[in-house]
Amino acid sequence: MELRDLAYFQAIAETGHLGRAAEQLGRTQPALTKCIRRLENELSANLFERSGRGLKLTPIGDALLSRTRQLRNSVEMAVREVRDVARGSVGHVRLGSGATTTEYLLPSLYSTMLKETPEVTMELIIGMNDVLRASLRKGYLDLVIGPLAESDTEFATVPALEDRVVVVARAGHPLFNKRPKMPDLLNYRWVLPGPHVAMRKWLDHTFAANGLRQPDVQIETSSISLLPRMIAHTDLLSFISVRNLGEGRVGSPLREIVLPETTMSRWLGAVYRQDAYLSPACRRMIEIIKAMPKSNPLPKQRRVA
């Protein structure tokens, strides 16, 4: 069984389509078909079955995909480790970060890293936490800086900053003319991340736990922190970190709607795979995060209630 065949198999499995996999790999469809036949002959089992115009993994194929990811990640980690040793290099960091941590955590982290190790190279991907964690799981990233799950048995975590996520609206929003309650929030439409993002899940669960329907989402976005000015010209509500609010910050046009029931407490920090190879630079970055003062105060926000 060759690593090349496993790489082709993984691409087909993840795209669910022979043509898209061929385009992604720069190979022909007949070449990929021969690859699958070699694997199926070797395993004496079918790996795929037809599903509409695409392909769906059989149970045997699903098991092979899991092992293939583990094997390819192990090979990649070994190659990176040997290269780092051969170059005598501090290495390369493939880092994923959310918008909030990119603005309020990464600057000091980068500053410290570059002072200590000016030769380090970094690749930064900014995105929503669910997407970044999926990339971390597949081995495409070494480290993710973002919200930490309350209980995380899949990854190792290092807390850095305490955070709070609150419901916000423009300063002149009608809700500020009274003391709003949770049902009042459902009279307006929202700007929220996708349903698989942790903060959206928390908000949906909170409304459900209080016997209320879920918010009516008008705009679903991968980066709320880029939209405050747009929200400030509407009656839309949103749900963002208080670290984005206040004078001089990206969310300065918005104000917190003070409701304890819709205030989410969380920690921001580092997430990484416990079994993965980490370059010296990546290990040092984790040590810097561990050493950060945990008493970093949340910014004071002028509340309107």
Protein backbone atom coordinates (compact mmCIF):
# COMPACT_ATOMS: atom_id res chain seq x y z
CA MET A 1 0.00 0.00 0.00
CA GLU A 2 1.64 3.24 -1.17
CA LEU A 3 1.38 6.66 0.50
CA ARG A 4 0.57 8.16 -2.90
CA ASP A 5 -2.46 5.93 -3.28
CA LEU A 6 -3.60 6.83 0.24
CA ALA A 7 -3.20 10.54 -0.55
CA TYR A 8 -5.35 10.14 -3.65
CA PHE A 9 -7.90 8.10 -1.70
CA GLN A 10 -8.11 10.82 0.98
CA ALA A 11 -8.71 13.54 -1.62
CA ILE A 12 -11.52 11.53 -3.23
CA ALA A 13 -13.07 10.75 0.15
CA GLU A 14 -12.99 14.38 1.34
CA THR A 15 -14.36 15.84 -1.88
CA GLY A 16 -16.85 13.03 -2.47
CA HIS A 17 -16.29 13.42 -6.18
CA LEU A 18 -13.76 11.89 -8.57
CA GLY A 19 -13.65 14.91 -10.89
CA ARG A 20 -13.08 17.46 -8.11
CA ALA A 21 -10.39 15.26 -6.56
CA ALA A 22 -8.64 14.94 -9.94
CA GLU A 23 -8.70 18.73 -10.38
CA GLN A 24 -7.39 19.27 -6.85
CA LEU A 25 -4.55 16.78 -7.29
CA GLY A 26 -3.68 17.68 -10.87
CA ARG A 27 -4.26 14.09 -11.99
CA THR A 28 -6.61 12.44 -14.46
CA GLN A 29 -9.77 10.65 -13.39
CA PRO A 30 -8.60 7.32 -14.88
CA ALA A 31 -5.42 7.55 -12.76
CA LEU A 32 -7.48 8.01 -9.60
CA THR A 33 -9.81 5.18 -10.58
CA LYS A 34 -6.80 2.84 -10.94
CA CYS A 35 -5.59 3.98 -7.51
CA ILE A 36 -8.90 3.05 -5.89
CA ARG A 37 -8.94 -0.32 -7.67
CA ARG A 38 -5.43 -1.08 -6.36
CA LEU A 39 -6.50 -0.30 -2.80
CA GLU A 40 -9.74 -2.26 -3.09
CA ASN A 41 -7.90 -5.28 -4.54
CA GLU A 42 -5.37 -5.14 -1.73
CA LEU A 43 -8.07 -4.88 0.94
CA SER A 44 -10.56 -7.20 -0.80
CA ALA A 45 -13.31 -4.69 -0.04
CA ASN A 46 -15.15 -1.81 -1.67
CA LEU A 47 -14.15 1.64 -0.42
CA PHE A 48 -16.84 3.73 -2.15
CA GLU A 49 -20.41 3.46 -3.31
CA ARG A 50 -22.28 5.74 -5.68
CA SER A 51 -24.33 8.56 -4.11
CA GLY A 52 -26.14 10.64 -6.74
CA ARG A 53 -23.41 12.13 -8.92
CA GLY A 54 -20.78 11.68 -6.23
CA LEU A 55 -19.15 9.00 -4.13
CA LYS A 56 -19.85 7.93 -0.57
CA LEU A 57 -17.52 5.97 1.70
CA THR A 58 -18.45 2.45 2.72
CA PRO A 59 -17.81 1.50 6.39
CA ILE A 60 -14.48 -0.02 5.27
CA GLY A 61 -13.64 3.20 3.40
CA ASP A 62 -14.53 5.30 6.44
CA ALA A 63 -12.18 3.25 8.63
CA LEU A 64 -9.38 3.56 6.05
CA LEU A 65 -9.87 7.33 5.84
CA SER A 66 -9.39 7.68 9.60
CA ARG A 67 -6.19 5.63 9.51
CA THR A 68 -4.97 7.43 6.39
CA ARG A 69 -5.27 10.82 8.10
CA GLN A 70 -3.34 9.55 11.10
CA LEU A 71 -0.62 8.00 8.93
CA ARG A 72 -0.19 11.04 6.68
CA ASN A 73 -0.09 13.39 9.66
CA SER A 74 2.60 11.22 11.26
CA VAL A 75 4.68 11.22 8.08
CA GLU A 76 4.32 14.98 7.69
CA MET A 77 5.31 15.56 11.32
CA ALA A 78 8.38 13.35 10.89
CA VAL A 79 9.45 15.25 7.75
CA ARG A 80 9.03 18.62 9.45
CA GLU A 81 10.96 17.50 12.52
CA VAL A 82 13.88 16.18 10.45
CA ARG A 83 13.96 19.39 8.38
CA ASP A 84 14.04 21.53 11.52
CA VAL A 85 16.92 19.51 12.92
CA ALA A 86 18.80 19.54 9.59
CA ARG A 87 18.46 23.32 9.26
CA GLY A 88 19.18 23.99 12.91
CA SER A 89 16.07 26.11 12.61
CA VAL A 90 13.54 27.24 15.18
CA GLY A 91 10.97 26.20 12.61
CA HIS A 92 7.72 27.33 11.07
CA VAL A 93 4.38 27.92 12.79
CA ARG A 94 1.07 27.36 11.02
CA LEU A 95 -1.28 29.40 13.14
CA GLY A 96 -5.05 29.87 13.05
CA SER A 97 -6.77 32.68 14.94
CA GLY A 98 -10.17 34.23 15.40
CA ALA A 99 -10.75 37.91 14.64
CA THR A 100 -10.87 38.95 18.32
CA THR A 101 -7.68 37.15 19.30
CA THR A 102 -5.94 38.40 16.15
CA GLU A 103 -6.53 41.98 17.25
CA TYR A 104 -6.11 41.73 21.03
CA LEU A 105 -3.84 38.75 21.73
CA LEU A 106 -1.58 38.11 18.74
CA PRO A 107 0.21 41.50 18.64
CA SER A 108 1.92 40.99 22.02
CA LEU A 109 2.50 37.31 21.26
CA TYR A 110 4.12 38.06 17.90
CA SER A 111 6.19 40.86 19.40
CA THR A 112 7.67 38.58 22.05
CA MET A 113 8.28 35.76 19.56
CA LEU A 114 10.05 37.93 16.99
CA LYS A 115 12.28 39.52 19.60
CA GLU A 116 13.40 36.10 20.81
CA THR A 117 13.52 34.29 17.47
CA PRO A 118 13.71 36.76 14.55
CA GLU A 119 14.22 33.92 12.04
CA VAL A 120 10.94 32.21 12.81
CA THR A 121 8.43 32.06 9.97
CA MET A 122 4.68 32.04 10.48
CA GLU A 123 1.61 31.34 8.40
CA LEU A 124 -1.53 32.99 9.79
CA ILE A 125 -5.08 31.91 8.87
CA ILE A 126 -7.93 34.02 10.30
CA GLY A 127 -11.34 32.39 10.56
CA MET A 128 -14.17 31.12 12.75
CA ASN A 129 -13.21 28.74 15.53
CA ASP A 130 -15.11 25.71 14.18
CA VAL A 131 -13.32 25.94 10.81
CA LEU A 132 -9.92 26.45 12.44
CA ARG A 133 -10.38 23.49 14.78
CA ALA A 134 -11.32 21.30 11.80
CA SER A 135 -8.06 22.34 10.09
CA LEU A 136 -6.16 21.62 13.30
CA ARG A 137 -7.78 18.20 13.49
CA LYS A 138 -6.67 17.39 9.93
CA GLY A 139 -3.12 18.57 10.59
CA TYR A 140 -3.27 21.66 8.39
CA LEU A 141 -2.54 23.92 11.40
CA ASP A 142 -0.16 23.53 14.35
CA LEU A 143 -1.89 25.87 16.74
CA VAL A 144 -5.22 27.70 17.03
CA ILE A 145 -5.65 30.86 19.10
CA GLY A 146 -9.28 31.44 19.98
CA PRO A 147 -12.13 30.53 22.35
CA LEU A 148 -11.59 27.47 24.55
CA ALA A 149 -14.28 24.85 25.05
CA GLU A 150 -15.47 24.29 28.62
CA SER A 151 -14.36 20.66 28.48
CA ASP A 152 -12.02 19.63 25.69
CA THR A 153 -10.88 16.01 25.58
CA GLU A 154 -9.79 16.18 21.94
CA PHE A 155 -7.11 18.88 22.14
CA ALA A 156 -4.66 20.31 24.64
CA THR A 157 -5.58 23.85 25.71
CA VAL A 158 -3.77 26.77 27.34
CA PRO A 159 -5.89 29.67 28.70
CA ALA A 160 -4.64 33.21 28.09
CA LEU A 161 -7.39 35.83 28.51
CA GLU A 162 -10.79 35.84 30.15
CA ASP A 163 -13.54 37.08 27.86
CA ARG A 164 -17.24 37.89 27.86
CA VAL A 165 -19.65 37.80 24.89
CA VAL A 166 -22.74 40.01 25.03
CA VAL A 167 -25.74 41.12 22.96
CA VAL A 168 -25.11 44.47 21.28
CA ALA A 169 -27.01 47.09 19.26
CA ARG A 170 -26.51 50.62 17.98
CA ALA A 171 -26.54 53.35 20.63
CA GLY A 172 -29.97 54.71 19.62
CA HIS A 173 -31.68 51.31 19.37
CA PRO A 174 -35.31 51.20 20.63
CA LEU A 175 -34.35 48.51 23.18
CA PHE A 176 -32.42 51.14 25.14
CA ASN A 177 -35.65 53.06 25.82
CA LYS A 178 -36.66 50.45 28.42
CA ARG A 179 -35.19 47.67 30.52
CA PRO A 180 -35.30 44.85 27.98
CA LYS A 181 -36.00 41.21 28.76
CA MET A 182 -35.04 38.17 26.69
CA PRO A 183 -38.34 37.96 24.75
CA ASP A 184 -37.81 41.59 23.63
CA LEU A 185 -34.65 40.54 21.80
CA LEU A 186 -36.71 38.33 19.51
CA ASN A 187 -38.58 41.33 18.09
CA TYR A 188 -35.49 42.16 16.02
CA ARG A 189 -33.34 40.35 13.50
CA TRP A 190 -29.73 39.38 14.16
CA VAL A 191 -26.23 39.20 12.71
CA LEU A 192 -24.67 35.94 13.95
CA PRO A 193 -22.04 33.35 13.04
CA GLY A 194 -23.03 29.96 11.64
CA PRO A 195 -24.93 27.42 13.76
CA HIS A 196 -21.83 25.25 14.31
CA VAL A 197 -19.84 28.04 16.02
CA ALA A 198 -19.62 27.67 19.82
CA MET A 199 -20.94 31.15 20.69
CA ARG A 200 -23.94 30.70 18.36
CA LYS A 201 -24.65 27.29 19.89
CA TRP A 202 -24.52 28.84 23.36
CA LEU A 203 -26.91 31.63 22.39
CA ASP A 204 -29.39 29.28 20.71
CA HIS A 205 -29.30 26.97 23.73
CA THR A 206 -29.85 29.91 26.11
CA PHE A 207 -33.01 30.99 24.30
CA ALA A 208 -34.26 27.40 24.17
CA ALA A 209 -33.52 26.87 27.89
CA ASN A 210 -35.70 29.90 28.65
CA GLY A 211 -38.58 28.50 26.61
CA LEU A 212 -38.03 30.88 23.70
CA ARG A 213 -37.52 30.36 19.99
CA GLN A 214 -34.12 30.94 18.45
CA PRO A 215 -33.12 34.38 17.14
CA ASP A 216 -34.18 35.32 13.62
CA VAL A 217 -30.87 35.55 11.74
CA GLN A 218 -30.88 38.01 8.84
CA ILE A 219 -27.12 37.94 8.21
CA GLU A 220 -24.97 34.88 8.88
CA THR A 221 -21.29 35.76 8.71
CA SER A 222 -17.84 34.33 9.32
CA SER A 223 -16.62 37.60 10.88
CA ILE A 224 -18.97 39.73 12.97
CA SER A 225 -16.07 41.98 13.99
CA LEU A 226 -15.98 43.37 10.43
CA LEU A 227 -19.63 44.49 10.51
CA PRO A 228 -20.16 46.90 13.48
CA ARG A 229 -20.52 50.00 11.29
CA MET A 230 -23.12 48.27 9.16
CA ILE A 231 -25.01 47.08 12.27
CA ALA A 232 -24.85 50.64 13.65
CA HIS A 233 -27.01 51.86 10.74
CA THR A 234 -29.77 49.29 11.38
CA ASP A 235 -31.86 47.85 14.20
CA LEU A 236 -30.06 44.53 13.89
CA LEU A 237 -28.73 42.86 17.05
CA SER A 238 -25.52 40.89 17.36
CA PHE A 239 -23.44 38.90 19.84
CA ILE A 240 -19.77 39.84 20.21
CA SER A 241 -16.87 39.99 22.65
CA VAL A 242 -16.76 42.99 24.99
CA ARG A 243 -13.11 43.29 23.97
CA ASN A 244 -14.41 44.63 20.65
CA LEU A 245 -16.48 47.36 22.35
CA GLY A 246 -15.47 50.78 23.60
CA GLU A 247 -13.72 53.84 22.25
CA GLY A 248 -11.08 53.15 19.63
CA ARG A 249 -12.17 49.54 19.08
CA VAL A 250 -13.81 47.94 16.06
CA GLY A 251 -17.17 47.76 17.83
CA SER A 252 -17.15 51.34 19.10
CA PRO A 253 -20.47 52.21 17.33
CA LEU A 254 -22.25 49.50 19.33
CA ARG A 255 -23.45 49.27 22.95
CA GLU A 256 -24.07 46.31 25.23
CA ILE A 257 -27.64 45.35 26.04
CA VAL A 258 -27.27 44.44 29.70
CA LEU A 259 -28.87 41.06 30.32
CA PRO A 260 -27.18 38.51 32.60
CA GLU A 261 -29.05 35.66 30.88
CA THR A 262 -27.40 36.45 27.51
CA THR A 263 -23.90 37.12 28.85
CA MET A 264 -21.50 34.33 27.93
CA SER A 265 -18.26 33.95 29.92
CA ARG A 266 -15.37 32.17 28.24
CA TRP A 267 -11.59 31.93 28.00
CA LEU A 268 -9.42 32.71 25.00
CA GLY A 269 -6.20 30.79 24.53
CA ALA A 270 -4.24 28.22 22.56
CA VAL A 271 -5.44 24.86 21.25
CA TYR A 272 -3.17 22.18 19.79
CA ARG A 273 -3.08 18.45 19.14
CA GLN A 274 -1.39 16.56 21.95
CA ASP A 275 0.09 13.89 19.65
CA ALA A 276 1.41 16.30 16.99
CA TYR A 277 4.98 17.33 16.28
CA LEU A 278 5.51 20.94 17.34
CA SER A 279 8.44 22.91 16.02
CA PRO A 280 10.67 24.66 18.59
CA ALA A 281 8.99 27.94 17.60
CA CYS A 282 5.52 26.50 18.18
CA ARG A 283 6.52 25.10 21.57
CA ARG A 284 7.96 28.48 22.55
CA MET A 285 4.75 30.22 21.49
CA ILE A 286 2.78 27.93 23.79
CA GLU A 287 5.17 28.72 26.67
CA ILE A 288 4.68 32.45 26.11
CA ILE A 289 0.90 32.01 26.24
CA LYS A 290 1.20 29.98 29.46
CA ALA A 291 3.19 32.80 31.02
CA MET A 292 0.66 35.53 30.14
CA PRO A 293 -0.96 37.16 33.19
CA LYS A 294 -4.40 35.65 33.67
CA SER A 295 -5.69 38.78 35.43
CA ASN A 296 -5.76 40.85 32.23
CA PRO A 297 -8.92 42.92 32.84
CA LEU A 298 -11.80 43.16 30.43
CA PRO A 299 -12.18 46.66 28.93
CA LYS A 300 -14.65 48.98 30.59
CA GLN A 301 -17.65 49.44 28.36
CA ARG A 302 -20.09 52.34 28.59
CA ARG A 303 -23.43 50.63 29.01
CA VAL A 304 -26.76 52.01 27.98
CA ALA A 305 -29.71 50.52 29.81
